[in-house]
Amino acid sequence: QVQLVESGGGLVQPGGSLRLSCTASGNIFSIYTMDWYRQAPGAQRELVAAIAGSGRTSYVDSVKGRFTISRDNAKNTMYLQMNSLKREDTAVYYCYMVVSGRAYWGQGTQVTVSS
């Protein structure tokens, strides 16, 4: 069994920064896909950022230049550095990983951008 544990959410003022972390634990052989999704109230869950095993990254247009996804394979952990946060970034953020060929979701962490 594999578990994903997220941390780092919270309340931040517009223009501020937060760093999210997601660590996989359990029976892990390989992790290829590592993604961050978010879901705002009344909206569909959307893919925010992705990092492949090769290290190649991709971002939704609304966060390009502000968010950075990274991974530490030795720690089975990925990160999302969020800078210049805007009110519209308010959402529950979920990590998603494909571990040993199976997909897993984190429990979600709330990010609220408000003054």
N, C-alpha and C. Protein backbone atom coordinates (compact mmCIF):
# COMPACT_ATOMS: atom_id res chain seq x y z
N GLN A 1 0.85 -1.18 0.00
CA GLN A 1 0.00 0.00 0.00
C GLN A 1 0.89 1.24 0.00
N VAL A 2 0.46 2.24 -0.73
CA VAL A 2 1.19 3.49 -0.84
C VAL A 2 0.32 4.62 -0.33
N GLN A 3 0.91 5.52 0.42
CA GLN A 3 0.21 6.71 0.89
C GLN A 3 0.96 7.95 0.44
N LEU A 4 0.19 8.98 0.10
CA LEU A 4 0.75 10.28 -0.22
C LEU A 4 0.33 11.25 0.87
N VAL A 5 1.28 11.93 1.45
CA VAL A 5 1.00 12.88 2.52
C VAL A 5 1.46 14.26 2.09
N GLU A 6 0.51 15.19 2.11
CA GLU A 6 0.80 16.56 1.70
C GLU A 6 0.97 17.45 2.92
N SER A 7 1.71 18.54 2.71
CA SER A 7 1.85 19.56 3.74
C SER A 7 2.18 20.89 3.09
N GLY A 8 2.00 21.96 3.85
CA GLY A 8 2.45 23.26 3.39
C GLY A 8 1.36 24.25 3.02
N GLY A 9 0.11 23.84 3.05
CA GLY A 9 -0.96 24.78 2.73
C GLY A 9 -1.17 25.78 3.85
N GLY A 10 -2.06 26.73 3.60
CA GLY A 10 -2.36 27.72 4.62
C GLY A 10 -2.95 28.98 4.05
N LEU A 11 -2.98 30.00 4.89
CA LEU A 11 -3.51 31.31 4.51
C LEU A 11 -2.35 32.26 4.21
N VAL A 12 -2.42 32.93 3.09
CA VAL A 12 -1.36 33.85 2.70
C VAL A 12 -1.98 35.06 2.02
N GLN A 13 -1.34 36.20 2.15
CA GLN A 13 -1.83 37.41 1.51
C GLN A 13 -1.48 37.41 0.03
N PRO A 14 -2.24 38.12 -0.76
CA PRO A 14 -1.89 38.25 -2.19
C PRO A 14 -0.47 38.75 -2.34
N GLY A 15 0.24 38.12 -3.27
CA GLY A 15 1.65 38.45 -3.48
C GLY A 15 2.60 37.60 -2.66
N GLY A 16 2.06 36.84 -1.73
CA GLY A 16 2.89 36.01 -0.88
C GLY A 16 3.29 34.69 -1.53
N SER A 17 3.96 33.86 -0.73
CA SER A 17 4.48 32.58 -1.23
C SER A 17 4.13 31.45 -0.27
N LEU A 18 4.00 30.28 -0.84
CA LEU A 18 3.85 29.04 -0.08
C LEU A 18 4.59 27.93 -0.80
N ARG A 19 5.00 26.93 -0.04
CA ARG A 19 5.63 25.76 -0.63
C ARG A 19 4.89 24.52 -0.16
N LEU A 20 4.37 23.78 -1.12
CA LEU A 20 3.68 22.53 -0.83
C LEU A 20 4.65 21.36 -1.00
N SER A 21 4.45 20.34 -0.17
CA SER A 21 5.24 19.13 -0.28
C SER A 21 4.31 17.93 -0.34
N CYS A 22 4.75 16.89 -1.00
CA CYS A 22 3.99 15.64 -1.07
C CYS A 22 4.99 14.48 -1.04
N THR A 23 4.86 13.64 -0.03
CA THR A 23 5.78 12.52 0.14
C THR A 23 5.05 11.20 0.04
N ALA A 24 5.60 10.32 -0.75
CA ALA A 24 5.03 8.97 -0.89
C ALA A 24 5.74 8.02 0.05
N SER A 25 4.95 7.17 0.69
CA SER A 25 5.53 6.17 1.58
C SER A 25 4.84 4.83 1.32
N GLY A 26 5.54 3.76 1.69
CA GLY A 26 4.98 2.43 1.49
C GLY A 26 5.83 1.62 0.54
N ASN A 27 5.17 0.73 -0.16
CA ASN A 27 5.85 -0.18 -1.07
C ASN A 27 6.09 0.53 -2.41
N ILE A 28 7.27 1.14 -2.53
CA ILE A 28 7.56 1.95 -3.70
C ILE A 28 8.70 1.35 -4.49
N PHE A 29 8.45 1.06 -5.74
CA PHE A 29 9.50 0.59 -6.63
C PHE A 29 9.96 1.71 -7.55
N SER A 30 8.99 2.41 -8.11
CA SER A 30 9.33 3.51 -9.00
C SER A 30 8.19 4.51 -9.00
N ILE A 31 8.56 5.75 -9.20
CA ILE A 31 7.57 6.81 -9.35
C ILE A 31 7.89 7.53 -10.64
N TYR A 32 6.94 7.53 -11.54
CA TYR A 32 7.18 8.24 -12.79
C TYR A 32 6.48 9.58 -12.78
N THR A 33 5.19 9.56 -12.85
CA THR A 33 4.43 10.80 -12.94
C THR A 33 4.24 11.41 -11.56
N MET A 34 4.48 12.69 -11.47
CA MET A 34 4.19 13.47 -10.27
C MET A 34 3.50 14.75 -10.71
N ASP A 35 2.29 14.96 -10.25
CA ASP A 35 1.50 16.10 -10.67
C ASP A 35 0.90 16.81 -9.46
N TRP A 36 0.61 18.08 -9.64
CA TRP A 36 -0.19 18.84 -8.69
C TRP A 36 -1.49 19.27 -9.39
N TYR A 37 -2.61 19.02 -8.73
CA TYR A 37 -3.91 19.48 -9.19
C TYR A 37 -4.47 20.44 -8.14
N ARG A 38 -5.48 21.17 -8.54
CA ARG A 38 -6.21 21.99 -7.57
C ARG A 38 -7.68 22.03 -7.94
N GLN A 39 -8.49 22.27 -6.92
CA GLN A 39 -9.93 22.37 -7.12
C GLN A 39 -10.48 23.50 -6.27
N ALA A 40 -10.98 24.51 -6.96
CA ALA A 40 -11.61 25.64 -6.29
C ALA A 40 -13.09 25.32 -6.07
N PRO A 41 -13.73 26.00 -5.11
CA PRO A 41 -15.16 25.76 -4.86
C PRO A 41 -16.00 25.95 -6.12
N GLY A 42 -16.82 24.96 -6.43
CA GLY A 42 -17.70 25.04 -7.59
C GLY A 42 -17.03 24.81 -8.92
N ALA A 43 -15.74 24.47 -8.89
CA ALA A 43 -15.00 24.29 -10.14
C ALA A 43 -14.53 22.85 -10.27
N GLN A 44 -14.14 22.48 -11.48
CA GLN A 44 -13.57 21.17 -11.71
C GLN A 44 -12.12 21.14 -11.26
N ARG A 45 -11.65 19.96 -10.93
CA ARG A 45 -10.24 19.80 -10.58
C ARG A 45 -9.42 20.02 -11.84
N GLU A 46 -8.35 20.80 -11.71
CA GLU A 46 -7.50 21.09 -12.87
C GLU A 46 -6.05 20.75 -12.57
N LEU A 47 -5.36 20.35 -13.62
CA LEU A 47 -3.94 20.07 -13.52
C LEU A 47 -3.18 21.39 -13.50
N VAL A 48 -2.38 21.58 -12.47
CA VAL A 48 -1.63 22.82 -12.31
C VAL A 48 -0.20 22.68 -12.83
N ALA A 49 0.46 21.59 -12.44
CA ALA A 49 1.86 21.40 -12.82
C ALA A 49 2.16 19.92 -12.84
N ALA A 50 3.12 19.55 -13.68
CA ALA A 50 3.50 18.15 -13.80
C ALA A 50 5.01 18.06 -13.98
N ILE A 51 5.59 16.99 -13.45
CA ILE A 51 7.01 16.74 -13.66
C ILE A 51 7.19 15.27 -13.95
N ALA A 52 7.84 14.99 -15.06
CA ALA A 52 8.04 13.61 -15.48
C ALA A 52 9.31 13.06 -14.86
N GLY A 53 9.50 11.75 -15.03
CA GLY A 53 10.70 11.13 -14.51
C GLY A 53 11.98 11.71 -15.10
N SER A 54 11.85 12.22 -16.32
CA SER A 54 13.00 12.85 -16.99
C SER A 54 13.32 14.22 -16.41
N GLY A 55 12.38 14.74 -15.61
CA GLY A 55 12.56 16.09 -15.07
C GLY A 55 11.86 17.16 -15.88
N ARG A 56 11.29 16.77 -16.99
CA ARG A 56 10.57 17.74 -17.81
C ARG A 56 9.33 18.21 -17.07
N THR A 57 9.09 19.51 -17.11
CA THR A 57 7.97 20.11 -16.38
C THR A 57 7.00 20.77 -17.33
N SER A 58 5.77 20.89 -16.86
CA SER A 58 4.75 21.63 -17.61
C SER A 58 3.81 22.29 -16.61
N TYR A 59 3.20 23.40 -17.06
CA TYR A 59 2.35 24.20 -16.17
C TYR A 59 1.11 24.67 -16.93
N VAL A 60 0.04 24.85 -16.17
CA VAL A 60 -1.12 25.52 -16.75
C VAL A 60 -0.73 26.99 -16.94
N ASP A 61 -1.29 27.61 -17.95
CA ASP A 61 -0.88 28.97 -18.31
C ASP A 61 -1.01 29.95 -17.15
N SER A 62 -2.03 29.78 -16.33
CA SER A 62 -2.32 30.76 -15.28
C SER A 62 -1.25 30.81 -14.19
N VAL A 63 -0.37 29.81 -14.11
CA VAL A 63 0.65 29.79 -13.06
C VAL A 63 2.06 29.88 -13.61
N LYS A 64 2.21 29.91 -14.91
CA LYS A 64 3.54 29.97 -15.51
C LYS A 64 4.28 31.21 -15.04
N GLY A 65 5.53 31.02 -14.65
CA GLY A 65 6.34 32.12 -14.16
C GLY A 65 6.16 32.41 -12.69
N ARG A 66 5.17 31.78 -12.06
CA ARG A 66 4.93 32.00 -10.63
C ARG A 66 5.13 30.72 -9.81
N PHE A 67 4.77 29.58 -10.37
CA PHE A 67 4.89 28.30 -9.66
C PHE A 67 6.04 27.50 -10.23
N THR A 68 6.68 26.72 -9.36
CA THR A 68 7.75 25.82 -9.78
C THR A 68 7.55 24.46 -9.15
N ILE A 69 7.49 23.44 -9.99
CA ILE A 69 7.37 22.07 -9.49
C ILE A 69 8.75 21.43 -9.52
N SER A 70 9.04 20.63 -8.50
CA SER A 70 10.33 19.94 -8.44
C SER A 70 10.13 18.61 -7.72
N ARG A 71 11.13 17.76 -7.81
CA ARG A 71 11.04 16.45 -7.17
C ARG A 71 12.38 16.04 -6.61
N ASP A 72 12.33 15.28 -5.53
CA ASP A 72 13.52 14.68 -4.93
C ASP A 72 13.27 13.18 -4.93
N ASN A 73 13.84 12.51 -5.91
CA ASN A 73 13.56 11.07 -6.07
C ASN A 73 14.06 10.26 -4.88
N ALA A 74 15.15 10.69 -4.27
CA ALA A 74 15.70 9.95 -3.13
C ALA A 74 14.75 9.97 -1.94
N LYS A 75 13.94 11.02 -1.85
CA LYS A 75 13.00 11.16 -0.75
C LYS A 75 11.57 10.84 -1.15
N ASN A 76 11.37 10.43 -2.41
CA ASN A 76 10.01 10.16 -2.91
C ASN A 76 9.09 11.35 -2.66
N THR A 77 9.61 12.53 -2.90
CA THR A 77 8.90 13.76 -2.55
C THR A 77 8.89 14.71 -3.73
N MET A 78 7.77 15.41 -3.88
CA MET A 78 7.73 16.49 -4.84
C MET A 78 7.26 17.75 -4.13
N TYR A 79 7.56 18.87 -4.76
CA TYR A 79 7.28 20.17 -4.17
C TYR A 79 6.57 21.06 -5.19
N LEU A 80 5.86 22.03 -4.66
CA LEU A 80 5.31 23.08 -5.50
C LEU A 80 5.59 24.41 -4.82
N GLN A 81 6.54 25.14 -5.37
CA GLN A 81 6.84 26.47 -4.87
C GLN A 81 5.91 27.46 -5.56
N MET A 82 5.12 28.16 -4.76
CA MET A 82 4.12 29.09 -5.31
C MET A 82 4.48 30.50 -4.88
N ASN A 83 4.80 31.34 -5.83
CA ASN A 83 5.15 32.73 -5.58
C ASN A 83 4.11 33.66 -6.21
N SER A 84 4.13 34.90 -5.78
CA SER A 84 3.21 35.91 -6.32
C SER A 84 1.78 35.39 -6.36
N LEU A 85 1.36 34.84 -5.25
CA LEU A 85 0.04 34.21 -5.19
C LEU A 85 -1.07 35.23 -5.39
N LYS A 86 -2.12 34.79 -6.06
CA LYS A 86 -3.28 35.62 -6.36
C LYS A 86 -4.52 34.99 -5.70
N ARG A 87 -5.55 35.82 -5.53
CA ARG A 87 -6.77 35.31 -4.92
C ARG A 87 -7.34 34.12 -5.70
N GLU A 88 -7.17 34.15 -7.00
CA GLU A 88 -7.72 33.06 -7.82
C GLU A 88 -6.94 31.76 -7.69
N ASP A 89 -5.83 31.79 -6.94
CA ASP A 89 -5.11 30.54 -6.67
C ASP A 89 -5.71 29.79 -5.48
N THR A 90 -6.67 30.40 -4.81
CA THR A 90 -7.34 29.75 -3.68
C THR A 90 -8.03 28.47 -4.13
N ALA A 91 -7.68 27.37 -3.47
CA ALA A 91 -8.21 26.06 -3.85
C ALA A 91 -7.66 25.01 -2.89
N VAL A 92 -8.21 23.83 -3.00
CA VAL A 92 -7.58 22.66 -2.37
C VAL A 92 -6.61 22.07 -3.39
N TYR A 93 -5.38 21.90 -2.96
CA TYR A 93 -4.34 21.38 -3.85
C TYR A 93 -4.09 19.90 -3.53
N TYR A 94 -4.05 19.09 -4.58
CA TYR A 94 -3.88 17.65 -4.45
C TYR A 94 -2.63 17.21 -5.20
N CYS A 95 -1.88 16.33 -4.59
CA CYS A 95 -0.78 15.72 -5.33
C CYS A 95 -1.27 14.40 -5.92
N TYR A 96 -0.65 14.03 -7.00
CA TYR A 96 -1.00 12.83 -7.74
C TYR A 96 0.29 12.19 -8.21
N MET A 97 0.41 10.89 -7.96
CA MET A 97 1.61 10.18 -8.39
C MET A 97 1.22 8.83 -8.98
N VAL A 98 1.97 8.41 -9.95
CA VAL A 98 1.86 7.05 -10.46
C VAL A 98 3.04 6.29 -9.86
N VAL A 99 2.74 5.40 -8.94
CA VAL A 99 3.76 4.67 -8.19
C VAL A 99 3.68 3.19 -8.57
N SER A 100 4.79 2.71 -9.11
CA SER A 100 4.85 1.30 -9.53
C SER A 100 3.65 0.93 -10.40
N GLY A 101 3.28 1.86 -11.25
CA GLY A 101 2.23 1.60 -12.22
C GLY A 101 0.82 1.86 -11.76
N ARG A 102 0.63 2.31 -10.51
CA ARG A 102 -0.71 2.59 -9.99
C ARG A 102 -0.81 4.06 -9.60
N ALA A 103 -2.01 4.60 -9.74
CA ALA A 103 -2.24 6.01 -9.46
C ALA A 103 -2.71 6.22 -8.03
N TYR A 104 -2.17 7.26 -7.41
CA TYR A 104 -2.54 7.60 -6.04
C TYR A 104 -2.75 9.11 -5.93
N TRP A 105 -3.66 9.49 -5.02
CA TRP A 105 -3.93 10.88 -4.72
C TRP A 105 -3.59 11.18 -3.26
N GLY A 106 -3.12 12.41 -3.03
CA GLY A 106 -2.97 12.89 -1.67
C GLY A 106 -4.32 13.30 -1.11
N GLN A 107 -4.32 13.67 0.17
CA GLN A 107 -5.57 14.00 0.85
C GLN A 107 -6.03 15.42 0.57
N GLY A 108 -5.16 16.22 0.01
CA GLY A 108 -5.49 17.60 -0.30
C GLY A 108 -5.06 18.54 0.81
N THR A 109 -4.62 19.72 0.42
CA THR A 109 -4.25 20.75 1.38
C THR A 109 -4.83 22.09 0.91
N GLN A 110 -5.43 22.81 1.84
CA GLN A 110 -6.11 24.06 1.50
C GLN A 110 -5.11 25.19 1.36
N VAL A 111 -5.20 25.91 0.27
CA VAL A 111 -4.44 27.14 0.07
C VAL A 111 -5.46 28.27 -0.08
N THR A 112 -5.36 29.26 0.79
CA THR A 112 -6.26 30.40 0.75
C THR A 112 -5.45 31.67 0.60
N VAL A 113 -5.73 32.42 -0.45
CA VAL A 113 -5.04 33.69 -0.70
C VAL A 113 -6.03 34.81 -0.44
N SER A 114 -5.78 35.54 0.62
CA SER A 114 -6.73 36.57 1.04
C SER A 114 -6.03 37.60 1.91
N SER A 115 -6.51 38.84 1.83
CA SER A 115 -5.97 39.87 2.68
C SER A 115 -6.84 40.04 3.93
